[in-house]
Amino acid sequence: LNNAVLHQLCKTLISESYDFKSTLLGYFVSSESKEEKPHVRSMLTEIYVHLLALINLLDNNRINDSMPCAQALINRVMSLNRPTMHLLGARRFLYYSRAYEMAGRQHEIRTLL
């Protein structure tokens, strides 16, 4: 996945009501501007796209961007409290921990884990 693909995924699959959408779009600036018709959105899709964005930030060593992204993902999923979110539960905590570990700040998240 490159920045253009992630930008398009965030733009089309994450609802406008999601507070962190503009920040996610800012992480993946794209020079291409394609207008597409809106897709049917689901919470699970939004969480999955957010998780893909976090993984991309970590893979590209953008640690200062990955920590707020990880925190927003955890907050979003915990506020939903839906059984369908349990499928991605282990992955979100894995990458949440990884973001803080890469920054050397894992002591800040021990109480949540």
PDB file of N, CA and C in Angstrom:
ATOM      1  N   LEU A   1       0.842  -1.185   0.000  1.00  0.00           N
ATOM      2  CA  LEU A   1       0.000   0.000   0.000  1.00  0.00           C
ATOM      3  C   LEU A   1       0.881   1.240   0.000  1.00  0.00           C
ATOM      4  N   ASN A   2       0.556   2.180  -0.840  1.00  0.00           N
ATOM      5  CA  ASN A   2       1.301   3.431  -0.847  1.00  0.00           C
ATOM      6  C   ASN A   2       0.401   4.561  -0.335  1.00  0.00           C
ATOM      7  N   ASN A   3       0.958   5.757  -0.266  1.00  0.00           N
ATOM      8  CA  ASN A   3       0.212   6.891   0.285  1.00  0.00           C
ATOM      9  C   ASN A   3      -1.034   7.213  -0.519  1.00  0.00           C
ATOM     10  N   ALA A   4      -0.965   7.115  -1.841  1.00  0.00           N
ATOM     11  CA  ALA A   4      -2.127   7.429  -2.675  1.00  0.00           C
ATOM     12  C   ALA A   4      -3.276   6.456  -2.418  1.00  0.00           C
ATOM     13  N   VAL A   5      -2.952   5.180  -2.280  1.00  0.00           N
ATOM     14  CA  VAL A   5      -3.983   4.167  -2.030  1.00  0.00           C
ATOM     15  C   VAL A   5      -4.602   4.374  -0.650  1.00  0.00           C
ATOM     16  N   LEU A   6      -3.779   4.587   0.359  1.00  0.00           N
ATOM     17  CA  LEU A   6      -4.308   4.799   1.709  1.00  0.00           C
ATOM     18  C   LEU A   6      -5.129   6.078   1.798  1.00  0.00           C
ATOM     19  N   HIS A   7      -4.702   7.111   1.093  1.00  0.00           N
ATOM     20  CA  HIS A   7      -5.472   8.362   1.068  1.00  0.00           C
ATOM     21  C   HIS A   7      -6.856   8.104   0.473  1.00  0.00           C
ATOM     22  N   GLN A   8      -6.901   7.365  -0.633  1.00  0.00           N
ATOM     23  CA  GLN A   8      -8.177   7.074  -1.282  1.00  0.00           C
ATOM     24  C   GLN A   8      -9.052   6.184  -0.410  1.00  0.00           C
ATOM     25  N   LEU A   9      -8.456   5.209   0.262  1.00  0.00           N
ATOM     26  CA  LEU A   9      -9.231   4.355   1.168  1.00  0.00           C
ATOM     27  C   LEU A   9      -9.840   5.173   2.307  1.00  0.00           C
ATOM     28  N   CYS A  10      -9.028   6.028   2.919  1.00  0.00           N
ATOM     29  CA  CYS A  10      -9.525   6.859   4.019  1.00  0.00           C
ATOM     30  C   CYS A  10     -10.618   7.807   3.534  1.00  0.00           C
ATOM     31  N   LYS A  11     -10.425   8.339   2.348  1.00  0.00           N
ATOM     32  CA  LYS A  11     -11.373   9.311   1.798  1.00  0.00           C
ATOM     33  C   LYS A  11     -12.729   8.679   1.479  1.00  0.00           C
ATOM     34  N   THR A  12     -12.702   7.467   0.933  1.00  0.00           N
ATOM     35  CA  THR A  12     -13.956   6.867   0.482  1.00  0.00           C
ATOM     36  C   THR A  12     -14.616   5.936   1.499  1.00  0.00           C
ATOM     37  N   LEU A  13     -13.855   5.324   2.384  1.00  0.00           N
ATOM     38  CA  LEU A  13     -14.435   4.310   3.270  1.00  0.00           C
ATOM     39  C   LEU A  13     -14.641   4.756   4.707  1.00  0.00           C
ATOM     40  N   ILE A  14     -14.128   5.911   5.093  1.00  0.00           N
ATOM     41  CA  ILE A  14     -14.320   6.389   6.460  1.00  0.00           C
ATOM     42  C   ILE A  14     -15.338   7.524   6.434  1.00  0.00           C
ATOM     43  N   SER A  15     -16.312   7.444   7.315  1.00  0.00           N
ATOM     44  CA  SER A  15     -17.400   8.425   7.319  1.00  0.00           C
ATOM     45  C   SER A  15     -16.919   9.796   7.767  1.00  0.00           C
ATOM     46  N   GLU A  16     -17.648  10.798   7.339  1.00  0.00           N
ATOM     47  CA  GLU A  16     -17.311  12.186   7.677  1.00  0.00           C
ATOM     48  C   GLU A  16     -17.467  12.458   9.169  1.00  0.00           C
ATOM     49  N   SER A  17     -18.278  11.664   9.850  1.00  0.00           N
ATOM     50  CA  SER A  17     -18.516  11.886  11.276  1.00  0.00           C
ATOM     51  C   SER A  17     -17.357  11.408  12.151  1.00  0.00           C
ATOM     52  N   TYR A  18     -16.416  10.679  11.570  1.00  0.00           N
ATOM     53  CA  TYR A  18     -15.261  10.182  12.327  1.00  0.00           C
ATOM     54  C   TYR A  18     -14.291  11.338  12.536  1.00  0.00           C
ATOM     55  N   ASP A  19     -14.060  11.703  13.802  1.00  0.00           N
ATOM     56  CA  ASP A  19     -13.251  12.873  14.148  1.00  0.00           C
ATOM     57  C   ASP A  19     -11.818  12.793  13.627  1.00  0.00           C
ATOM     58  N   PHE A  20     -11.258  11.622  13.562  1.00  0.00           N
ATOM     59  CA  PHE A  20      -9.847  11.455  13.212  1.00  0.00           C
ATOM     60  C   PHE A  20      -9.625  11.337  11.702  1.00  0.00           C
ATOM     61  N   LYS A  21     -10.690  11.427  10.900  1.00  0.00           N
ATOM     62  CA  LYS A  21     -10.576  11.253   9.453  1.00  0.00           C
ATOM     63  C   LYS A  21      -9.645  12.286   8.823  1.00  0.00           C
ATOM     64  N   SER A  22      -9.799  13.536   9.181  1.00  0.00           N
ATOM     65  CA  SER A  22      -8.961  14.582   8.574  1.00  0.00           C
ATOM     66  C   SER A  22      -7.490  14.375   8.921  1.00  0.00           C
ATOM     67  N   THR A  23      -7.207  13.897  10.121  1.00  0.00           N
ATOM     68  CA  THR A  23      -5.823  13.623  10.507  1.00  0.00           C
ATOM     69  C   THR A  23      -5.265  12.459   9.699  1.00  0.00           C
ATOM     70  N   LEU A  24      -6.071  11.407   9.529  1.00  0.00           N
ATOM     71  CA  LEU A  24      -5.627  10.281   8.712  1.00  0.00           C
ATOM     72  C   LEU A  24      -5.343  10.728   7.279  1.00  0.00           C
ATOM     73  N   LEU A  25      -6.213  11.550   6.725  1.00  0.00           N
ATOM     74  CA  LEU A  25      -5.988  12.055   5.370  1.00  0.00           C
ATOM     75  C   LEU A  25      -4.724  12.894   5.296  1.00  0.00           C
ATOM     76  N   GLY A  26      -4.406  13.606   6.354  1.00  0.00           N
ATOM     77  CA  GLY A  26      -3.196  14.415   6.393  1.00  0.00           C
ATOM     78  C   GLY A  26      -1.917  13.580   6.409  1.00  0.00           C
ATOM     79  N   TYR A  27      -1.994  12.377   6.960  1.00  0.00           N
ATOM     80  CA  TYR A  27      -0.825  11.498   6.981  1.00  0.00           C
ATOM     81  C   TYR A  27      -0.458  11.014   5.580  1.00  0.00           C
ATOM     82  N   PHE A  28      -1.459  10.876   4.739  1.00  0.00           N
ATOM     83  CA  PHE A  28      -1.257  10.288   3.413  1.00  0.00           C
ATOM     84  C   PHE A  28      -1.688  11.272   2.336  1.00  0.00           C
ATOM     85  N   VAL A  29      -0.882  12.277   2.136  1.00  0.00           N
ATOM     86  CA  VAL A  29      -1.179  13.294   1.138  1.00  0.00           C
ATOM     87  C   VAL A  29      -1.018  12.678  -0.240  1.00  0.00           C
ATOM     88  N   SER A  30      -1.990  12.936  -1.089  1.00  0.00           N
ATOM     89  CA  SER A  30      -1.971  12.382  -2.436  1.00  0.00           C
ATOM     90  C   SER A  30      -2.132  13.497  -3.452  1.00  0.00           C
ATOM     91  N   SER A  31      -1.379  13.426  -4.518  1.00  0.00           N
ATOM     92  CA  SER A  31      -1.492  14.435  -5.571  1.00  0.00           C
ATOM     93  C   SER A  31      -2.680  14.148  -6.480  1.00  0.00           C
ATOM     94  N   GLU A  32      -3.124  12.911  -6.489  1.00  0.00           N
ATOM     95  CA  GLU A  32      -4.267  12.549  -7.309  1.00  0.00           C
ATOM     96  C   GLU A  32      -5.548  12.927  -6.597  1.00  0.00           C
ATOM     97  N   SER A  33      -6.497  13.457  -7.354  1.00  0.00           N
ATOM     98  CA  SER A  33      -7.779  13.835  -6.767  1.00  0.00           C
ATOM     99  C   SER A  33      -8.891  13.267  -7.628  1.00  0.00           C
ATOM    100  N   LYS A  34      -9.266  12.039  -7.342  1.00  0.00           N
ATOM    101  CA  LYS A  34     -10.343  11.397  -8.085  1.00  0.00           C
ATOM    102  C   LYS A  34     -11.624  11.514  -7.279  1.00  0.00           C
ATOM    103  N   GLU A  35     -12.670  11.891  -7.964  1.00  0.00           N
ATOM    104  CA  GLU A  35     -13.983  11.928  -7.328  1.00  0.00           C
ATOM    105  C   GLU A  35     -14.658  10.588  -7.574  1.00  0.00           C
ATOM    106  N   GLU A  36     -15.082   9.964  -6.522  1.00  0.00           N
ATOM    107  CA  GLU A  36     -15.781   8.693  -6.645  1.00  0.00           C
ATOM    108  C   GLU A  36     -17.076   8.778  -5.883  1.00  0.00           C
ATOM    109  N   LYS A  37     -18.010   7.952  -6.310  1.00  0.00           N
ATOM    110  CA  LYS A  37     -19.271   7.931  -5.579  1.00  0.00           C
ATOM    111  C   LYS A  37     -19.044   7.304  -4.209  1.00  0.00           C
ATOM    112  N   PRO A  38     -19.806   7.736  -3.211  1.00  0.00           N
ATOM    113  CA  PRO A  38     -19.605   7.216  -1.853  1.00  0.00           C
ATOM    114  C   PRO A  38     -19.889   5.715  -1.774  1.00  0.00           C
ATOM    115  N   HIS A  39     -19.131   5.043  -0.946  1.00  0.00           N
ATOM    116  CA  HIS A  39     -19.310   3.616  -0.720  1.00  0.00           C
ATOM    117  C   HIS A  39     -20.158   3.406   0.533  1.00  0.00           C
ATOM    118  N   VAL A  40     -20.731   2.235   0.622  1.00  0.00           N
ATOM    119  CA  VAL A  40     -21.446   1.871   1.842  1.00  0.00           C
ATOM    120  C   VAL A  40     -20.389   1.654   2.916  1.00  0.00           C
ATOM    121  N   ARG A  41     -20.555   2.323   4.047  1.00  0.00           N
ATOM    122  CA  ARG A  41     -19.546   2.278   5.102  1.00  0.00           C
ATOM    123  C   ARG A  41     -20.033   1.447   6.278  1.00  0.00           C
ATOM    124  N   SER A  42     -19.106   0.762   6.886  1.00  0.00           N
ATOM    125  CA  SER A  42     -19.423   0.043   8.111  1.00  0.00           C
ATOM    126  C   SER A  42     -18.339   0.360   9.130  1.00  0.00           C
ATOM    127  N   MET A  43     -18.656   0.175  10.373  1.00  0.00           N
ATOM    128  CA  MET A  43     -17.681   0.441  11.437  1.00  0.00           C
ATOM    129  C   MET A  43     -16.472  -0.475  11.301  1.00  0.00           C
ATOM    130  N   LEU A  44     -16.713  -1.722  10.960  1.00  0.00           N
ATOM    131  CA  LEU A  44     -15.620  -2.673  10.823  1.00  0.00           C
ATOM    132  C   LEU A  44     -14.667  -2.244   9.707  1.00  0.00           C
ATOM    133  N   THR A  45     -15.210  -1.728   8.614  1.00  0.00           N
ATOM    134  CA  THR A  45     -14.377  -1.246   7.511  1.00  0.00           C
ATOM    135  C   THR A  45     -13.562  -0.044   7.941  1.00  0.00           C
ATOM    136  N   GLU A  46     -14.181   0.876   8.660  1.00  0.00           N
ATOM    137  CA  GLU A  46     -13.464   2.063   9.142  1.00  0.00           C
ATOM    138  C   GLU A  46     -12.310   1.678  10.057  1.00  0.00           C
ATOM    139  N   ILE A  47     -12.558   0.754  10.960  1.00  0.00           N
ATOM    140  CA  ILE A  47     -11.521   0.309  11.888  1.00  0.00           C
ATOM    141  C   ILE A  47     -10.403  -0.391  11.127  1.00  0.00           C
ATOM    142  N   TYR A  48     -10.753  -1.205  10.146  1.00  0.00           N
ATOM    143  CA  TYR A  48      -9.746  -1.913   9.367  1.00  0.00           C
ATOM    144  C   TYR A  48      -8.864  -0.944   8.575  1.00  0.00           C
ATOM    145  N   VAL A  49      -9.469   0.065   7.962  1.00  0.00           N
ATOM    146  CA  VAL A  49      -8.692   1.065   7.212  1.00  0.00           C
ATOM    147  C   VAL A  49      -7.786   1.844   8.166  1.00  0.00           C
ATOM    148  N   HIS A  50      -8.301   2.191   9.338  1.00  0.00           N
ATOM    149  CA  HIS A  50      -7.497   2.889  10.343  1.00  0.00           C
ATOM    150  C   HIS A  50      -6.315   2.005  10.765  1.00  0.00           C
ATOM    151  N   LEU A  51      -6.551   0.716  10.933  1.00  0.00           N
ATOM    152  CA  LEU A  51      -5.479  -0.212  11.288  1.00  0.00           C
ATOM    153  C   LEU A  51      -4.432  -0.300  10.170  1.00  0.00           C
ATOM    154  N   LEU A  52      -4.881  -0.331   8.914  1.00  0.00           N
ATOM    155  CA  LEU A  52      -3.934  -0.336   7.792  1.00  0.00           C
ATOM    156  C   LEU A  52      -3.091   0.935   7.783  1.00  0.00           C
ATOM    157  N   ALA A  53      -3.717   2.055   8.089  1.00  0.00           N
ATOM    158  CA  ALA A  53      -2.989   3.321   8.145  1.00  0.00           C
ATOM    159  C   ALA A  53      -1.924   3.276   9.242  1.00  0.00           C
ATOM    160  N   LEU A  54      -2.278   2.745  10.399  1.00  0.00           N
ATOM    161  CA  LEU A  54      -1.323   2.634  11.500  1.00  0.00           C
ATOM    162  C   LEU A  54      -0.154   1.726  11.132  1.00  0.00           C
ATOM    163  N   ILE A  55      -0.436   0.603  10.502  1.00  0.00           N
ATOM    164  CA  ILE A  55       0.623  -0.309  10.089  1.00  0.00           C
ATOM    165  C   ILE A  55       1.565   0.370   9.101  1.00  0.00           C
ATOM    166  N   ASN A  56       1.008   1.138   8.174  1.00  0.00           N
ATOM    167  CA  ASN A  56       1.834   1.854   7.210  1.00  0.00           C
ATOM    168  C   ASN A  56       2.725   2.878   7.894  1.00  0.00           C
ATOM    169  N   LEU A  57       2.185   3.609   8.856  1.00  0.00           N
ATOM    170  CA  LEU A  57       2.993   4.588   9.582  1.00  0.00           C
ATOM    171  C   LEU A  57       4.145   3.906  10.318  1.00  0.00           C
ATOM    172  N   LEU A  58       3.869   2.772  10.942  1.00  0.00           N
ATOM    173  CA  LEU A  58       4.916   2.045  11.663  1.00  0.00           C
ATOM    174  C   LEU A  58       5.968   1.490  10.710  1.00  0.00           C
ATOM    175  N   ASP A  59       5.528   0.953   9.581  1.00  0.00           N
ATOM    176  CA  ASP A  59       6.475   0.401   8.603  1.00  0.00           C
ATOM    177  C   ASP A  59       7.399   1.476   8.028  1.00  0.00           C
ATOM    178  N   ASN A  60       6.905   2.704   7.959  1.00  0.00           N
ATOM    179  CA  ASN A  60       7.707   3.804   7.422  1.00  0.00           C
ATOM    180  C   ASN A  60       8.416   4.602   8.514  1.00  0.00           C
ATOM    181  N   ASN A  61       8.450   4.055   9.733  1.00  0.00           N
ATOM    182  CA  ASN A  61       9.121   4.680  10.882  1.00  0.00           C
ATOM    183  C   ASN A  61       8.650   6.097  11.162  1.00  0.00           C
ATOM    184  N   ARG A  62       7.373   6.348  10.970  1.00  0.00           N
ATOM    185  CA  ARG A  62       6.793   7.649  11.315  1.00  0.00           C
ATOM    186  C   ARG A  62       6.218   7.535  12.727  1.00  0.00           C
ATOM    187  N   ILE A  63       7.113   7.430  13.680  1.00  0.00           N
ATOM    188  CA  ILE A  63       6.748   7.117  15.056  1.00  0.00           C
ATOM    189  C   ILE A  63       5.924   8.226  15.700  1.00  0.00           C
ATOM    190  N   ASN A  64       6.280   9.476  15.453  1.00  0.00           N
ATOM    191  CA  ASN A  64       5.529  10.585  16.054  1.00  0.00           C
ATOM    192  C   ASN A  64       4.104  10.656  15.528  1.00  0.00           C
ATOM    193  N   ASP A  65       3.861  10.177  14.326  1.00  0.00           N
ATOM    194  CA  ASP A  65       2.501  10.135  13.790  1.00  0.00           C
ATOM    195  C   ASP A  65       1.769   8.871  14.227  1.00  0.00           C
ATOM    196  N   SER A  66       2.513   7.788  14.434  1.00  0.00           N
ATOM    197  CA  SER A  66       1.871   6.517  14.749  1.00  0.00           C
ATOM    198  C   SER A  66       1.267   6.474  16.150  1.00  0.00           C
ATOM    199  N   MET A  67       1.857   7.171  17.100  1.00  0.00           N
ATOM    200  CA  MET A  67       1.323   7.116  18.472  1.00  0.00           C
ATOM    201  C   MET A  67      -0.066   7.754  18.582  1.00  0.00           C
ATOM    202  N   PRO A  68      -0.311   8.977  18.066  1.00  0.00           N
ATOM    203  CA  PRO A  68      -1.686   9.492  18.130  1.00  0.00           C
ATOM    204  C   PRO A  68      -2.660   8.680  17.280  1.00  0.00           C
ATOM    205  N   CYS A  69      -2.167   8.120  16.181  1.00  0.00           N
ATOM    206  CA  CYS A  69      -3.013   7.280  15.339  1.00  0.00           C
ATOM    207  C   CYS A  69      -3.431   6.025  16.101  1.00  0.00           C
ATOM    208  N   ALA A  70      -2.492   5.414  16.795  1.00  0.00           N
ATOM    209  CA  ALA A  70      -2.773   4.222  17.589  1.00  0.00           C
ATOM    210  C   ALA A  70      -3.723   4.539  18.736  1.00  0.00           C
ATOM    211  N   GLN A  71      -3.505   5.662  19.397  1.00  0.00           N
ATOM    212  CA  GLN A  71      -4.377   6.054  20.512  1.00  0.00           C
ATOM    213  C   GLN A  71      -5.799   6.309  20.029  1.00  0.00           C
ATOM    214  N   ALA A  72      -5.938   6.959  18.879  1.00  0.00           N
ATOM    215  CA  ALA A  72      -7.271   7.221  18.321  1.00  0.00           C
ATOM    216  C   ALA A  72      -7.969   5.915  17.947  1.00  0.00           C
ATOM    217  N   LEU A  73      -7.215   4.960  17.418  1.00  0.00           N
ATOM    218  CA  LEU A  73      -7.787   3.662  17.066  1.00  0.00           C
ATOM    219  C   LEU A  73      -8.286   2.930  18.306  1.00  0.00           C
ATOM    220  N   ILE A  74      -7.487   2.913  19.347  1.00  0.00           N
ATOM    221  CA  ILE A  74      -7.895   2.250  20.591  1.00  0.00           C
ATOM    222  C   ILE A  74      -9.130   2.926  21.180  1.00  0.00           C
ATOM    223  N   ASN A  75      -9.128   4.252  21.224  1.00  0.00           N
ATOM    224  CA  ASN A  75     -10.276   4.989  21.771  1.00  0.00           C
ATOM    225  C   ASN A  75     -11.539   4.728  20.973  1.00  0.00           C
ATOM    226  N   ARG A  76     -11.399   4.693  19.646  1.00  0.00           N
ATOM    227  CA  ARG A  76     -12.559   4.461  18.789  1.00  0.00           C
ATOM    228  C   ARG A  76     -13.158   3.080  19.031  1.00  0.00           C
ATOM    229  N   VAL A  77     -12.330   2.074  19.049  1.00  0.00           N
ATOM    230  CA  VAL A  77     -12.835   0.705  19.211  1.00  0.00           C
ATOM    231  C   VAL A  77     -13.412   0.492  20.607  1.00  0.00           C
ATOM    232  N   MET A  78     -12.759   1.050  21.613  1.00  0.00           N
ATOM    233  CA  MET A  78     -13.266   0.880  22.983  1.00  0.00           C
ATOM    234  C   MET A  78     -14.594   1.605  23.186  1.00  0.00           C
ATOM    235  N   SER A  79     -14.811   2.696  22.461  1.00  0.00           N
ATOM    236  CA  SER A  79     -16.081   3.411  22.602  1.00  0.00           C
ATOM    237  C   SER A  79     -17.232   2.675  21.912  1.00  0.00           C
ATOM    238  N   LEU A  80     -16.925   1.849  20.929  1.00  0.00           N
ATOM    239  CA  LEU A  80     -17.976   1.126  20.207  1.00  0.00           C
ATOM    240  C   LEU A  80     -18.474  -0.083  20.976  1.00  0.00           C
ATOM    241  N   ASN A  81     -17.560  -0.861  21.554  1.00  0.00           N
ATOM    242  CA  ASN A  81     -17.903  -2.034  22.352  1.00  0.00           C
ATOM    243  C   ASN A  81     -18.867  -2.968  21.615  1.00  0.00           C
ATOM    244  N   ARG A  82     -18.468  -3.364  20.413  1.00  0.00           N
ATOM    245  CA  ARG A  82     -19.268  -4.290  19.613  1.00  0.00           C
ATOM    246  C   ARG A  82     -18.533  -5.617  19.489  1.00  0.00           C
ATOM    247  N   PRO A  83     -19.264  -6.715  19.523  1.00  0.00           N
ATOM    248  CA  PRO A  83     -18.616  -8.027  19.388  1.00  0.00           C
ATOM    249  C   PRO A  83     -17.883  -8.198  18.055  1.00  0.00           C
ATOM    250  N   THR A  84     -18.336  -7.541  17.008  1.00  0.00           N
ATOM    251  CA  THR A  84     -17.657  -7.670  15.716  1.00  0.00           C
ATOM    252  C   THR A  84     -16.270  -7.055  15.746  1.00  0.00           C
ATOM    253  N   MET A  85     -16.015  -6.145  16.670  1.00  0.00           N
ATOM    254  CA  MET A  85     -14.702  -5.511  16.771  1.00  0.00           C
ATOM    255  C   MET A  85     -13.673  -6.417  17.436  1.00  0.00           C
ATOM    256  N   HIS A  86     -14.124  -7.492  18.064  1.00  0.00           N
ATOM    257  CA  HIS A  86     -13.201  -8.401  18.725  1.00  0.00           C
ATOM    258  C   HIS A  86     -12.287  -9.104  17.716  1.00  0.00           C
ATOM    259  N   LEU A  87     -12.742  -9.195  16.474  1.00  0.00           N
ATOM    260  CA  LEU A  87     -11.934  -9.844  15.444  1.00  0.00           C
ATOM    261  C   LEU A  87     -10.617  -9.102  15.226  1.00  0.00           C
ATOM    262  N   LEU A  88     -10.655  -7.790  15.330  1.00  0.00           N
ATOM    263  CA  LEU A  88      -9.452  -6.991  15.137  1.00  0.00           C
ATOM    264  C   LEU A  88      -8.799  -6.598  16.454  1.00  0.00           C
ATOM    265  N   GLY A  89      -9.354  -7.055  17.563  1.00  0.00           N
ATOM    266  CA  GLY A  89      -8.880  -6.648  18.875  1.00  0.00           C
ATOM    267  C   GLY A  89      -7.423  -6.936  19.147  1.00  0.00           C
ATOM    268  N   ALA A  90      -6.992  -8.116  18.852  1.00  0.00           N
ATOM    269  CA  ALA A  90      -5.596  -8.475  19.122  1.00  0.00           C
ATOM    270  C   ALA A  90      -4.650  -7.652  18.263  1.00  0.00           C
ATOM    271  N   ARG A  91      -5.015  -7.435  17.032  1.00  0.00           N
ATOM    272  CA  ARG A  91      -4.152  -6.675  16.125  1.00  0.00           C
ATOM    273  C   ARG A  91      -4.024  -5.215  16.555  1.00  0.00           C
ATOM    274  N   ARG A  92      -5.118  -4.618  16.959  1.00  0.00           N
ATOM    275  CA  ARG A  92      -5.033  -3.196  17.330  1.00  0.00           C
ATOM    276  C   ARG A  92      -4.146  -3.009  18.552  1.00  0.00           C
ATOM    277  N   PHE A  93      -4.238  -3.933  19.532  1.00  0.00           N
ATOM    278  CA  PHE A  93      -3.379  -3.821  20.706  1.00  0.00           C
ATOM    279  C   PHE A  93      -1.928  -4.134  20.372  1.00  0.00           C
ATOM    280  N   LEU A  94      -1.700  -5.052  19.444  1.00  0.00           N
ATOM    281  CA  LEU A  94      -0.345  -5.359  19.016  1.00  0.00           C
ATOM    282  C   LEU A  94       0.321  -4.115  18.424  1.00  0.00           C
ATOM    283  N   TYR A  95      -0.353  -3.454  17.499  1.00  0.00           N
ATOM    284  CA  TYR A  95       0.241  -2.293  16.846  1.00  0.00           C
ATOM    285  C   TYR A  95       0.239  -1.057  17.737  1.00  0.00           C
ATOM    286  N   TYR A  96      -0.722  -0.978  18.639  1.00  0.00           N
ATOM    287  CA  TYR A  96      -0.718   0.088  19.645  1.00  0.00           C
ATOM    288  C   TYR A  96       0.533  -0.044  20.515  1.00  0.00           C
ATOM    289  N   SER A  97       0.793  -1.262  20.986  1.00  0.00           N
ATOM    290  CA  SER A  97       1.983  -1.516  21.796  1.00  0.00           C
ATOM    291  C   SER A  97       3.257  -1.273  20.998  1.00  0.00           C
ATOM    292  N   ARG A  98       3.247  -1.684  19.747  1.00  0.00           N
ATOM    293  CA  ARG A  98       4.430  -1.519  18.904  1.00  0.00           C
ATOM    294  C   ARG A  98       4.766  -0.048  18.686  1.00  0.00           C
ATOM    295  N   ALA A  99       3.757   0.784  18.500  1.00  0.00           N
ATOM    296  CA  ALA A  99       3.995   2.219  18.298  1.00  0.00           C
ATOM    297  C   ALA A  99       4.675   2.832  19.517  1.00  0.00           C
ATOM    298  N   TYR A 100       4.176   2.511  20.687  1.00  0.00           N
ATOM    299  CA  TYR A 100       4.766   3.058  21.904  1.00  0.00           C
ATOM    300  C   TYR A 100       6.131   2.437  22.206  1.00  0.00           C
ATOM    301  N   GLU A 101       6.301   1.167  21.853  1.00  0.00           N
ATOM    302  CA  GLU A 101       7.597   0.520  22.053  1.00  0.00           C
ATOM    303  C   GLU A 101       8.665   1.162  21.165  1.00  0.00           C
ATOM    304  N   MET A 102       8.320   1.458  19.923  1.00  0.00           N
ATOM    305  CA  MET A 102       9.274   2.069  19.004  1.00  0.00           C
ATOM    306  C   MET A 102       9.679   3.467  19.474  1.00  0.00           C
ATOM    307  N   ALA A 103       8.776   4.133  20.184  1.00  0.00           N
ATOM    308  CA  ALA A 103       9.070   5.467  20.707  1.00  0.00           C
ATOM    309  C   ALA A 103       9.780   5.392  22.058  1.00  0.00           C
ATOM    310  N   GLY A 104       9.882   4.201  22.626  1.00  0.00           N
ATOM    311  CA  GLY A 104      10.510   4.047  23.928  1.00  0.00           C
ATOM    312  C   GLY A 104       9.633   4.534  25.069  1.00  0.00           C
ATOM    313  N   ARG A 105       8.327   4.505  24.866  1.00  0.00           N
ATOM    314  CA  ARG A 105       7.391   5.016  25.870  1.00  0.00           C
ATOM    315  C   ARG A 105       6.372   3.959  26.287  1.00  0.00           C
ATOM    316  N   GLN A 106       6.750   2.685  26.255  1.00  0.00           N
ATOM    317  CA  GLN A 106       5.804   1.625  26.584  1.00  0.00           C
ATOM    318  C   GLN A 106       5.325   1.675  28.024  1.00  0.00           C
ATOM    319  N   HIS A 107       6.061   2.327  28.899  1.00  0.00           N
ATOM    320  CA  HIS A 107       5.631   2.432  30.293  1.00  0.00           C
ATOM    321  C   HIS A 107       4.336   3.244  30.419  1.00  0.00           C
ATOM    322  N   GLU A 108       4.027   4.079  29.443  1.00  0.00           N
ATOM    323  CA  GLU A 108       2.813   4.899  29.495  1.00  0.00           C
ATOM    324  C   GLU A 108       1.533   4.102  29.247  1.00  0.00           C
ATOM    325  N   ILE A 109       1.636   2.945  28.634  1.00  0.00           N
ATOM    326  CA  ILE A 109       0.430   2.211  28.251  1.00  0.00           C
ATOM    327  C   ILE A 109       0.213   0.929  29.056  1.00  0.00           C
ATOM    328  N   ARG A 110       1.063   0.667  30.013  1.00  0.00           N
ATOM    329  CA  ARG A 110       0.957  -0.591  30.760  1.00  0.00           C
ATOM    330  C   ARG A 110      -0.364  -0.749  31.479  1.00  0.00           C
ATOM    331  N   THR A 111      -0.933   0.313  31.992  1.00  0.00           N
ATOM    332  CA  THR A 111      -2.194   0.193  32.721  1.00  0.00           C
ATOM    333  C   THR A 111      -3.343  -0.209  31.789  1.00  0.00           C
ATOM    334  N   LEU A 112      -3.318   0.285  30.552  1.00  0.00           N
ATOM    335  CA  LEU A 112      -4.384  -0.059  29.602  1.00  0.00           C
ATOM    336  C   LEU A 112      -4.263  -1.506  29.140  1.00  0.00           C
ATOM    337  N   LEU A 113      -3.051  -1.952  28.952  1.00  0.00           N
ATOM    338  CA  LEU A 113      -2.864  -3.324  28.462  1.00  0.00           C
ATOM    339  C   LEU A 113      -3.131  -4.321  29.558  1.00  0.00           C
TER     340      LEU A 113
END
